[in-house]
Structures are given as structure tokens and as C-alpha cells.
Amino acid sequence: MRLFPALSGGLVRLERWASRALVVLFVGLIVVNVAMRYLAGKPIVYAEEVAAILLVWLTLVAVSISIRDKAQIGVTLVVDKLPPAARLWVDALIWALIAGMLGLLLKAGIAWVTGPSVGFEQVITTGWPKWPFFWIFPIFCATALIHVLGHLSDAVARIAGRLA
């Protein structure tokens, strides 16, 4: 059962590097575009669209990292009133529900990206196909699912430790 926590730990390191690279690319593109617009009078035509794509990728990578770090906002008013054993079961149940939801979203995301309608969409300013950029959604679902399964694995281990 320690497979997913180990995978999650390695994956989050990769995600942190990816998020740093995306920030550098995003900020660099914006700075260069501003310089080109005001200094040369010729902005980069595709800069805004590519910046939007980078921002979406950065956002989803950051959300995956925040799931790994349990940095999401949670309302624990009711759960905190439960006995410790019940809290463990609720924790495991919540992680299981999130894993199920991410699994369904992953399946739907892959079907969407590989579907025929997406194949025709193009980035307006460059003419590039959009489908490679859309893969961030299934990638996000898969990475978040690995993190959630790591948390679920830990929750089940805590329950098993209390039962033993």
C-alpha cells in the first residue's frame, strides 16, 4: 500500500519543477511582449493566447501540488466533533470519494481530448491545433488521482493501525 505515497512524492517534485518552468515562461513571454509593444511598436501577435494556455497549465499543475500538500480549504466543523476513530473513517471515505470523482473526470477528459470535435480546434493566431494543449486536463486528473490515492493509502493504513 506504500506505492501511491511514494509515487506521489516523486511526482510532486516533478510538478514543482514544471510549475517553476511555467512561471518563468509565462512571465518571460509577458515581459518580452510588453517590451516589444512599447519599445519596438510591434507586439508578439500570439503572446496573449500562449500566455493564457501557460496560465491554465500552471493553474492545474499548482492545484495538483496543493492536493498533494493538503493545502485545499476544508470545513471540519462537524468532523472535529467526531471521536478519533470515526474521523479516520470519514477521512478515508472523503479521499475515496475524491478518487472516484477524479477517476471519472480522467475518463471523460481522455474521451474529450481524443474526440473528433477537439481535433479541428486551432489556436487562432498561430494555427496550431489545440488538442495537445488540452491534454493538461487528463494529465491533471491523473496526477491529482495519484496524490489522492496516496492520501487514501495513508488513511487506510491509519485505520488498519488502529484496528490491529
N, C-alpha and C. Protein backbone atom coordinates (compact mmCIF):
# COMPACT_ATOMS: atom_id res chain seq x y z
N MET A 1 0.81 -1.20 0.00
CA MET A 1 0.00 0.00 0.00
C MET A 1 0.86 1.27 0.00
N ARG A 2 2.16 1.15 0.07
CA ARG A 2 3.02 2.33 0.11
C ARG A 2 3.39 2.81 -1.29
N LEU A 3 2.89 2.16 -2.33
CA LEU A 3 3.22 2.53 -3.70
C LEU A 3 2.75 3.95 -4.03
N PHE A 4 1.50 4.25 -3.73
CA PHE A 4 0.97 5.56 -4.11
C PHE A 4 1.59 6.72 -3.34
N PRO A 5 1.84 6.58 -2.03
CA PRO A 5 2.55 7.69 -1.37
C PRO A 5 3.94 7.93 -1.96
N ALA A 6 4.64 6.86 -2.34
CA ALA A 6 5.97 7.02 -2.95
C ALA A 6 5.86 7.66 -4.33
N LEU A 7 4.90 7.20 -5.13
CA LEU A 7 4.67 7.81 -6.45
C LEU A 7 4.30 9.29 -6.32
N SER A 8 3.46 9.58 -5.35
CA SER A 8 3.03 10.96 -5.13
C SER A 8 4.20 11.85 -4.76
N GLY A 9 5.09 11.34 -3.92
CA GLY A 9 6.27 12.11 -3.52
C GLY A 9 7.18 12.43 -4.69
N GLY A 10 7.42 11.45 -5.55
CA GLY A 10 8.25 11.69 -6.73
C GLY A 10 7.56 12.61 -7.73
N LEU A 11 6.28 12.41 -7.90
CA LEU A 11 5.51 13.21 -8.86
C LEU A 11 5.47 14.68 -8.44
N VAL A 12 5.31 14.95 -7.15
CA VAL A 12 5.21 16.34 -6.71
C VAL A 12 6.53 17.08 -6.95
N ARG A 13 7.65 16.38 -6.87
CA ARG A 13 8.93 17.03 -7.19
C ARG A 13 8.95 17.46 -8.66
N LEU A 14 8.50 16.58 -9.53
CA LEU A 14 8.42 16.90 -10.96
C LEU A 14 7.44 18.06 -11.20
N GLU A 15 6.32 18.04 -10.52
CA GLU A 15 5.32 19.11 -10.68
C GLU A 15 5.87 20.46 -10.20
N ARG A 16 6.64 20.46 -9.13
CA ARG A 16 7.21 21.71 -8.64
C ARG A 16 8.17 22.31 -9.68
N TRP A 17 8.98 21.45 -10.31
CA TRP A 17 9.88 21.94 -11.36
C TRP A 17 9.09 22.43 -12.56
N ALA A 18 8.04 21.70 -12.93
CA ALA A 18 7.20 22.12 -14.06
C ALA A 18 6.54 23.46 -13.77
N SER A 19 6.06 23.64 -12.55
CA SER A 19 5.40 24.91 -12.22
C SER A 19 6.39 26.06 -12.26
N ARG A 20 7.61 25.82 -11.82
CA ARG A 20 8.64 26.88 -11.89
C ARG A 20 8.91 27.25 -13.35
N ALA A 21 9.06 26.23 -14.20
CA ALA A 21 9.32 26.48 -15.62
C ALA A 21 8.16 27.23 -16.26
N LEU A 22 6.93 26.86 -15.91
CA LEU A 22 5.76 27.53 -16.48
C LEU A 22 5.69 28.99 -16.03
N VAL A 23 6.04 29.27 -14.78
CA VAL A 23 6.06 30.65 -14.30
C VAL A 23 7.10 31.46 -15.08
N VAL A 24 8.29 30.89 -15.25
CA VAL A 24 9.34 31.60 -15.99
C VAL A 24 8.89 31.87 -17.43
N LEU A 25 8.32 30.87 -18.08
CA LEU A 25 7.84 31.05 -19.46
C LEU A 25 6.73 32.10 -19.54
N PHE A 26 5.79 32.02 -18.60
CA PHE A 26 4.67 32.96 -18.59
C PHE A 26 5.15 34.39 -18.39
N VAL A 27 5.93 34.61 -17.34
CA VAL A 27 6.42 35.95 -17.04
C VAL A 27 7.34 36.45 -18.16
N GLY A 28 8.22 35.57 -18.64
CA GLY A 28 9.12 35.95 -19.73
C GLY A 28 8.37 36.38 -20.97
N LEU A 29 7.34 35.62 -21.33
CA LEU A 29 6.55 35.95 -22.51
C LEU A 29 5.85 37.30 -22.34
N ILE A 30 5.28 37.54 -21.18
CA ILE A 30 4.58 38.81 -20.93
C ILE A 30 5.57 39.98 -20.96
N VAL A 31 6.72 39.83 -20.32
CA VAL A 31 7.72 40.90 -20.30
C VAL A 31 8.22 41.20 -21.71
N VAL A 32 8.54 40.17 -22.46
CA VAL A 32 9.02 40.37 -23.83
C VAL A 32 7.94 41.02 -24.69
N ASN A 33 6.69 40.59 -24.50
CA ASN A 33 5.61 41.18 -25.29
C ASN A 33 5.41 42.66 -24.95
N VAL A 34 5.48 43.01 -23.67
CA VAL A 34 5.35 44.41 -23.28
C VAL A 34 6.50 45.23 -23.87
N ALA A 35 7.71 44.67 -23.78
CA ALA A 35 8.86 45.37 -24.35
C ALA A 35 8.70 45.55 -25.86
N MET A 36 8.26 44.53 -26.53
CA MET A 36 8.07 44.61 -27.98
C MET A 36 6.98 45.63 -28.33
N ARG A 37 5.94 45.67 -27.53
CA ARG A 37 4.83 46.60 -27.80
C ARG A 37 5.26 48.05 -27.63
N TYR A 38 5.94 48.36 -26.51
CA TYR A 38 6.23 49.76 -26.19
C TYR A 38 7.60 50.24 -26.69
N LEU A 39 8.51 49.32 -26.88
CA LEU A 39 9.84 49.75 -27.36
C LEU A 39 9.97 49.64 -28.89
N ALA A 40 9.42 48.56 -29.42
CA ALA A 40 9.55 48.34 -30.87
C ALA A 40 8.26 48.69 -31.63
N GLY A 41 7.15 48.82 -30.87
CA GLY A 41 5.89 49.12 -31.53
C GLY A 41 5.27 47.93 -32.24
N LYS A 42 5.83 46.75 -32.03
CA LYS A 42 5.32 45.54 -32.69
C LYS A 42 5.18 44.42 -31.66
N PRO A 43 4.01 44.30 -31.05
CA PRO A 43 3.82 43.23 -30.06
C PRO A 43 3.84 41.85 -30.73
N ILE A 44 4.10 40.85 -29.93
CA ILE A 44 4.06 39.46 -30.42
C ILE A 44 2.58 39.10 -30.58
N VAL A 45 2.19 38.76 -31.77
CA VAL A 45 0.77 38.54 -32.10
C VAL A 45 0.15 37.43 -31.25
N TYR A 46 0.88 36.37 -31.06
CA TYR A 46 0.34 35.19 -30.38
C TYR A 46 0.57 35.19 -28.87
N ALA A 47 1.18 36.23 -28.33
CA ALA A 47 1.59 36.23 -26.92
C ALA A 47 0.42 36.04 -25.95
N GLU A 48 -0.68 36.72 -26.18
CA GLU A 48 -1.80 36.62 -25.24
C GLU A 48 -2.41 35.22 -25.22
N GLU A 49 -2.54 34.61 -26.38
CA GLU A 49 -3.11 33.26 -26.43
C GLU A 49 -2.18 32.24 -25.78
N VAL A 50 -0.89 32.33 -26.08
CA VAL A 50 0.07 31.40 -25.48
C VAL A 50 0.16 31.64 -23.97
N ALA A 51 0.10 32.90 -23.54
CA ALA A 51 0.11 33.21 -22.11
C ALA A 51 -1.10 32.60 -21.41
N ALA A 52 -2.26 32.66 -22.05
CA ALA A 52 -3.47 32.07 -21.47
C ALA A 52 -3.32 30.55 -21.34
N ILE A 53 -2.75 29.92 -22.34
CA ILE A 53 -2.52 28.47 -22.29
C ILE A 53 -1.54 28.14 -21.16
N LEU A 54 -0.46 28.91 -21.06
CA LEU A 54 0.52 28.68 -19.98
C LEU A 54 -0.13 28.87 -18.61
N LEU A 55 -0.99 29.87 -18.49
CA LEU A 55 -1.65 30.12 -17.21
C LEU A 55 -2.58 28.98 -16.82
N VAL A 56 -3.30 28.43 -17.77
CA VAL A 56 -4.16 27.28 -17.48
C VAL A 56 -3.32 26.09 -17.03
N TRP A 57 -2.23 25.82 -17.75
CA TRP A 57 -1.35 24.71 -17.37
C TRP A 57 -0.79 24.94 -15.97
N LEU A 58 -0.32 26.15 -15.70
CA LEU A 58 0.25 26.48 -14.39
C LEU A 58 -0.78 26.30 -13.29
N THR A 59 -1.99 26.73 -13.54
CA THR A 59 -3.05 26.62 -12.54
C THR A 59 -3.33 25.15 -12.20
N LEU A 60 -3.46 24.31 -13.21
CA LEU A 60 -3.79 22.91 -12.93
C LEU A 60 -2.61 22.16 -12.29
N VAL A 61 -1.40 22.49 -12.67
CA VAL A 61 -0.23 21.89 -12.00
C VAL A 61 -0.19 22.32 -10.54
N ALA A 62 -0.47 23.60 -10.28
CA ALA A 62 -0.46 24.11 -8.91
C ALA A 62 -1.58 23.49 -8.07
N VAL A 63 -2.73 23.27 -8.66
CA VAL A 63 -3.83 22.63 -7.92
C VAL A 63 -3.44 21.20 -7.55
N SER A 64 -2.79 20.49 -8.46
CA SER A 64 -2.34 19.13 -8.16
C SER A 64 -1.34 19.14 -7.00
N ILE A 65 -0.42 20.10 -7.02
CA ILE A 65 0.54 20.22 -5.92
C ILE A 65 -0.20 20.51 -4.62
N SER A 66 -1.19 21.39 -4.67
CA SER A 66 -1.92 21.73 -3.44
C SER A 66 -2.72 20.55 -2.90
N ILE A 67 -3.18 19.68 -3.79
CA ILE A 67 -3.86 18.46 -3.32
C ILE A 67 -2.85 17.57 -2.61
N ARG A 68 -1.66 17.44 -3.16
CA ARG A 68 -0.61 16.63 -2.52
C ARG A 68 -0.26 17.17 -1.15
N ASP A 69 -0.18 18.51 -1.05
CA ASP A 69 0.21 19.16 0.21
C ASP A 69 -0.96 19.36 1.16
N LYS A 70 -2.14 18.92 0.77
CA LYS A 70 -3.37 19.13 1.55
C LYS A 70 -3.56 20.61 1.87
N ALA A 71 -3.33 21.45 0.89
CA ALA A 71 -3.44 22.89 1.07
C ALA A 71 -4.80 23.43 0.64
N GLN A 72 -5.73 22.54 0.36
CA GLN A 72 -7.08 22.96 -0.01
C GLN A 72 -7.84 23.41 1.24
N ILE A 73 -8.79 24.27 1.03
CA ILE A 73 -9.64 24.73 2.13
C ILE A 73 -10.59 23.59 2.49
N GLY A 74 -10.73 23.33 3.78
CA GLY A 74 -11.64 22.29 4.23
C GLY A 74 -12.49 22.80 5.39
N VAL A 75 -13.72 22.36 5.44
CA VAL A 75 -14.61 22.70 6.53
C VAL A 75 -14.69 21.47 7.44
N THR A 76 -14.15 21.60 8.62
CA THR A 76 -14.05 20.44 9.52
C THR A 76 -14.87 20.62 10.79
N LEU A 77 -15.81 21.54 10.78
CA LEU A 77 -16.61 21.83 11.96
C LEU A 77 -17.28 20.58 12.52
N VAL A 78 -17.90 19.79 11.67
CA VAL A 78 -18.61 18.59 12.11
C VAL A 78 -17.61 17.46 12.38
N VAL A 79 -16.65 17.29 11.50
CA VAL A 79 -15.69 16.19 11.63
C VAL A 79 -14.88 16.32 12.92
N ASP A 80 -14.54 17.53 13.29
CA ASP A 80 -13.75 17.74 14.51
C ASP A 80 -14.50 17.32 15.77
N LYS A 81 -15.82 17.26 15.70
CA LYS A 81 -16.64 16.85 16.85
C LYS A 81 -16.74 15.33 16.99
N LEU A 82 -16.32 14.60 15.96
CA LEU A 82 -16.42 13.14 15.98
C LEU A 82 -15.31 12.52 16.83
N PRO A 83 -15.53 11.30 17.32
CA PRO A 83 -14.46 10.59 18.02
C PRO A 83 -13.31 10.29 17.05
N PRO A 84 -12.08 10.12 17.56
CA PRO A 84 -10.92 9.90 16.68
C PRO A 84 -11.10 8.76 15.68
N ALA A 85 -11.67 7.65 16.10
CA ALA A 85 -11.84 6.52 15.19
C ALA A 85 -12.79 6.89 14.04
N ALA A 86 -13.85 7.59 14.34
CA ALA A 86 -14.80 8.00 13.30
C ALA A 86 -14.15 8.99 12.33
N ARG A 87 -13.29 9.87 12.85
CA ARG A 87 -12.58 10.82 11.99
C ARG A 87 -11.72 10.10 10.96
N LEU A 88 -11.09 9.02 11.40
CA LEU A 88 -10.26 8.24 10.47
C LEU A 88 -11.09 7.67 9.34
N TRP A 89 -12.27 7.15 9.68
CA TRP A 89 -13.14 6.57 8.67
C TRP A 89 -13.68 7.65 7.72
N VAL A 90 -14.04 8.79 8.26
CA VAL A 90 -14.53 9.89 7.42
C VAL A 90 -13.42 10.37 6.48
N ASP A 91 -12.20 10.47 7.01
CA ASP A 91 -11.06 10.87 6.19
C ASP A 91 -10.88 9.91 5.01
N ALA A 92 -10.91 8.62 5.29
CA ALA A 92 -10.75 7.62 4.24
C ALA A 92 -11.90 7.69 3.23
N LEU A 93 -13.12 7.88 3.73
CA LEU A 93 -14.29 7.98 2.85
C LEU A 93 -14.17 9.18 1.92
N ILE A 94 -13.75 10.31 2.46
CA ILE A 94 -13.62 11.52 1.65
C ILE A 94 -12.57 11.32 0.56
N TRP A 95 -11.40 10.75 0.93
CA TRP A 95 -10.37 10.51 -0.08
C TRP A 95 -10.86 9.52 -1.14
N ALA A 96 -11.63 8.51 -0.72
CA ALA A 96 -12.18 7.54 -1.68
C ALA A 96 -13.16 8.21 -2.65
N LEU A 97 -14.01 9.10 -2.13
CA LEU A 97 -14.95 9.82 -2.99
C LEU A 97 -14.22 10.73 -3.98
N ILE A 98 -13.20 11.41 -3.50
CA ILE A 98 -12.42 12.28 -4.40
C ILE A 98 -11.72 11.45 -5.46
N ALA A 99 -11.18 10.29 -5.06
CA ALA A 99 -10.52 9.41 -6.04
C ALA A 99 -11.52 8.94 -7.10
N GLY A 100 -12.71 8.58 -6.67
CA GLY A 100 -13.74 8.17 -7.63
C GLY A 100 -14.09 9.28 -8.60
N MET A 101 -14.25 10.50 -8.08
CA MET A 101 -14.57 11.64 -8.92
C MET A 101 -13.44 11.92 -9.91
N LEU A 102 -12.20 11.89 -9.45
CA LEU A 102 -11.07 12.13 -10.34
C LEU A 102 -10.95 11.03 -11.40
N GLY A 103 -11.26 9.79 -11.02
CA GLY A 103 -11.25 8.70 -11.99
C GLY A 103 -12.26 8.93 -13.11
N LEU A 104 -13.46 9.38 -12.74
CA LEU A 104 -14.48 9.68 -13.74
C LEU A 104 -14.07 10.87 -14.61
N LEU A 105 -13.50 11.89 -13.98
CA LEU A 105 -13.04 13.05 -14.75
C LEU A 105 -11.89 12.69 -15.69
N LEU A 106 -11.01 11.80 -15.24
CA LEU A 106 -9.92 11.34 -16.09
C LEU A 106 -10.46 10.63 -17.33
N LYS A 107 -11.40 9.74 -17.11
CA LYS A 107 -12.01 9.01 -18.23
C LYS A 107 -12.69 9.98 -19.20
N ALA A 108 -13.47 10.91 -18.66
CA ALA A 108 -14.16 11.89 -19.50
C ALA A 108 -13.17 12.82 -20.20
N GLY A 109 -12.11 13.19 -19.52
CA GLY A 109 -11.10 14.07 -20.11
C GLY A 109 -10.39 13.43 -21.28
N ILE A 110 -10.05 12.17 -21.14
CA ILE A 110 -9.39 11.45 -22.24
C ILE A 110 -10.35 11.33 -23.43
N ALA A 111 -11.61 11.02 -23.13
CA ALA A 111 -12.61 10.92 -24.21
C ALA A 111 -12.77 12.27 -24.91
N TRP A 112 -12.74 13.35 -24.14
CA TRP A 112 -12.89 14.69 -24.73
C TRP A 112 -11.70 15.04 -25.62
N VAL A 113 -10.48 14.85 -25.10
CA VAL A 113 -9.29 15.25 -25.85
C VAL A 113 -9.10 14.41 -27.11
N THR A 114 -9.48 13.15 -27.04
CA THR A 114 -9.31 12.27 -28.21
C THR A 114 -10.55 12.27 -29.11
N GLY A 115 -11.57 13.02 -28.72
CA GLY A 115 -12.79 13.09 -29.51
C GLY A 115 -12.60 13.85 -30.81
N PRO A 116 -13.49 13.61 -31.76
CA PRO A 116 -13.34 14.24 -33.08
C PRO A 116 -13.51 15.76 -33.07
N SER A 117 -14.33 16.29 -32.18
CA SER A 117 -14.58 17.74 -32.21
C SER A 117 -13.35 18.55 -31.82
N VAL A 118 -12.54 18.04 -30.93
CA VAL A 118 -11.36 18.76 -30.47
C VAL A 118 -10.27 18.78 -31.54
N GLY A 119 -10.25 17.78 -32.37
CA GLY A 119 -9.21 17.67 -33.39
C GLY A 119 -9.20 18.82 -34.40
N PHE A 120 -10.32 19.51 -34.53
CA PHE A 120 -10.41 20.60 -35.51
C PHE A 120 -10.12 21.97 -34.93
N GLU A 121 -10.10 22.08 -33.60
CA GLU A 121 -9.89 23.40 -32.99
C GLU A 121 -8.44 23.84 -33.16
N GLN A 122 -8.27 25.13 -33.39
CA GLN A 122 -6.94 25.69 -33.60
C GLN A 122 -6.75 26.95 -32.77
N VAL A 123 -5.50 27.21 -32.39
CA VAL A 123 -5.14 28.47 -31.77
C VAL A 123 -5.26 29.51 -32.87
N ILE A 124 -6.04 30.54 -32.67
CA ILE A 124 -6.39 31.49 -33.73
C ILE A 124 -5.16 32.16 -34.34
N THR A 125 -4.25 32.64 -33.50
CA THR A 125 -3.14 33.45 -34.02
C THR A 125 -2.02 32.63 -34.65
N THR A 126 -1.90 31.36 -34.28
CA THR A 126 -0.79 30.55 -34.80
C THR A 126 -1.23 29.47 -35.76
N GLY A 127 -2.49 29.05 -35.63
CA GLY A 127 -2.97 27.95 -36.46
C GLY A 127 -2.60 26.58 -35.90
N TRP A 128 -1.96 26.57 -34.73
CA TRP A 128 -1.61 25.29 -34.11
C TRP A 128 -2.88 24.57 -33.66
N PRO A 129 -2.87 23.25 -33.71
CA PRO A 129 -4.02 22.52 -33.16
C PRO A 129 -4.05 22.68 -31.63
N LYS A 130 -5.25 22.77 -31.07
CA LYS A 130 -5.39 22.97 -29.62
C LYS A 130 -5.29 21.68 -28.82
N TRP A 131 -5.56 20.53 -29.46
CA TRP A 131 -5.65 19.30 -28.67
C TRP A 131 -4.40 18.99 -27.84
N PRO A 132 -3.17 19.29 -28.30
CA PRO A 132 -2.04 18.99 -27.42
C PRO A 132 -2.08 19.81 -26.12
N PHE A 133 -2.59 21.03 -26.21
CA PHE A 133 -2.68 21.88 -25.02
C PHE A 133 -3.78 21.41 -24.09
N PHE A 134 -4.82 20.82 -24.66
CA PHE A 134 -5.94 20.34 -23.86
C PHE A 134 -5.58 19.11 -23.02
N TRP A 135 -4.47 18.46 -23.33
CA TRP A 135 -4.08 17.27 -22.57
C TRP A 135 -3.79 17.59 -21.10
N ILE A 136 -3.65 18.87 -20.76
CA ILE A 136 -3.39 19.21 -19.36
C ILE A 136 -4.53 18.73 -18.47
N PHE A 137 -5.75 18.71 -18.98
CA PHE A 137 -6.86 18.29 -18.12
C PHE A 137 -6.75 16.81 -17.72
N PRO A 138 -6.59 15.87 -18.66
CA PRO A 138 -6.39 14.48 -18.23
C PRO A 138 -5.10 14.30 -17.42
N ILE A 139 -4.06 15.05 -17.77
CA ILE A 139 -2.81 14.96 -17.00
C ILE A 139 -3.05 15.40 -15.56
N PHE A 140 -3.77 16.51 -15.40
CA PHE A 140 -4.11 16.98 -14.05
C PHE A 140 -4.91 15.92 -13.30
N CYS A 141 -5.92 15.36 -13.95
CA CYS A 141 -6.74 14.34 -13.29
C CYS A 141 -5.89 13.15 -12.85
N ALA A 142 -4.96 12.72 -13.70
CA ALA A 142 -4.11 11.58 -13.37
C ALA A 142 -3.16 11.91 -12.21
N THR A 143 -2.53 13.08 -12.25
CA THR A 143 -1.58 13.42 -11.17
C THR A 143 -2.32 13.64 -9.86
N ALA A 144 -3.45 14.34 -9.92
CA ALA A 144 -4.24 14.54 -8.70
C ALA A 144 -4.73 13.20 -8.15
N LEU A 145 -5.12 12.29 -9.04
CA LEU A 145 -5.57 10.97 -8.62
C LEU A 145 -4.46 10.21 -7.90
N ILE A 146 -3.25 10.31 -8.40
CA ILE A 146 -2.11 9.65 -7.73
C ILE A 146 -1.93 10.24 -6.34
N HIS A 147 -2.01 11.55 -6.20
CA HIS A 147 -1.86 12.19 -4.88
C HIS A 147 -2.99 11.75 -3.94
N VAL A 148 -4.20 11.72 -4.46
CA VAL A 148 -5.36 11.34 -3.64
C VAL A 148 -5.25 9.87 -3.22
N LEU A 149 -4.82 9.01 -4.14
CA LEU A 149 -4.64 7.60 -3.77
C LEU A 149 -3.53 7.44 -2.73
N GLY A 150 -2.53 8.31 -2.77
CA GLY A 150 -1.51 8.32 -1.71
C GLY A 150 -2.12 8.67 -0.37
N HIS A 151 -2.98 9.70 -0.35
CA HIS A 151 -3.65 10.09 0.90
C HIS A 151 -4.61 9.00 1.37
N LEU A 152 -5.31 8.38 0.41
CA LEU A 152 -6.23 7.28 0.76
C LEU A 152 -5.46 6.11 1.35
N SER A 153 -4.33 5.80 0.76
CA SER A 153 -3.49 4.72 1.26
C SER A 153 -3.04 4.99 2.69
N ASP A 154 -2.64 6.23 2.95
CA ASP A 154 -2.25 6.61 4.32
C ASP A 154 -3.43 6.51 5.28
N ALA A 155 -4.61 6.93 4.83
CA ALA A 155 -5.80 6.89 5.68
C ALA A 155 -6.17 5.44 6.02
N VAL A 156 -6.09 4.57 5.03
CA VAL A 156 -6.39 3.15 5.26
C VAL A 156 -5.35 2.54 6.21
N ALA A 157 -4.10 2.92 6.05
CA ALA A 157 -3.05 2.42 6.94
C ALA A 157 -3.28 2.88 8.38
N ARG A 158 -3.75 4.12 8.55
CA ARG A 158 -4.05 4.61 9.91
C ARG A 158 -5.21 3.83 10.52
N ILE A 159 -6.22 3.53 9.71
CA ILE A 159 -7.36 2.74 10.21
C ILE A 159 -6.88 1.34 10.58
N ALA A 160 -6.09 0.73 9.70
CA ALA A 160 -5.58 -0.63 9.96
C ALA A 160 -4.71 -0.64 11.21
N GLY A 161 -3.93 0.41 11.43
CA GLY A 161 -3.10 0.51 12.63
C GLY A 161 -3.92 0.59 13.89
N ARG A 162 -5.06 1.24 13.81
CA ARG A 162 -5.93 1.34 14.99
C ARG A 162 -6.68 0.04 15.25
N LEU A 163 -6.95 -0.71 14.17
CA LEU A 163 -7.67 -1.97 14.33
C LEU A 163 -6.75 -3.09 14.82
N ALA A 164 -5.47 -2.97 14.55
CA ALA A 164 -4.53 -4.04 14.92
C ALA A 164 -4.24 -4.06 16.40
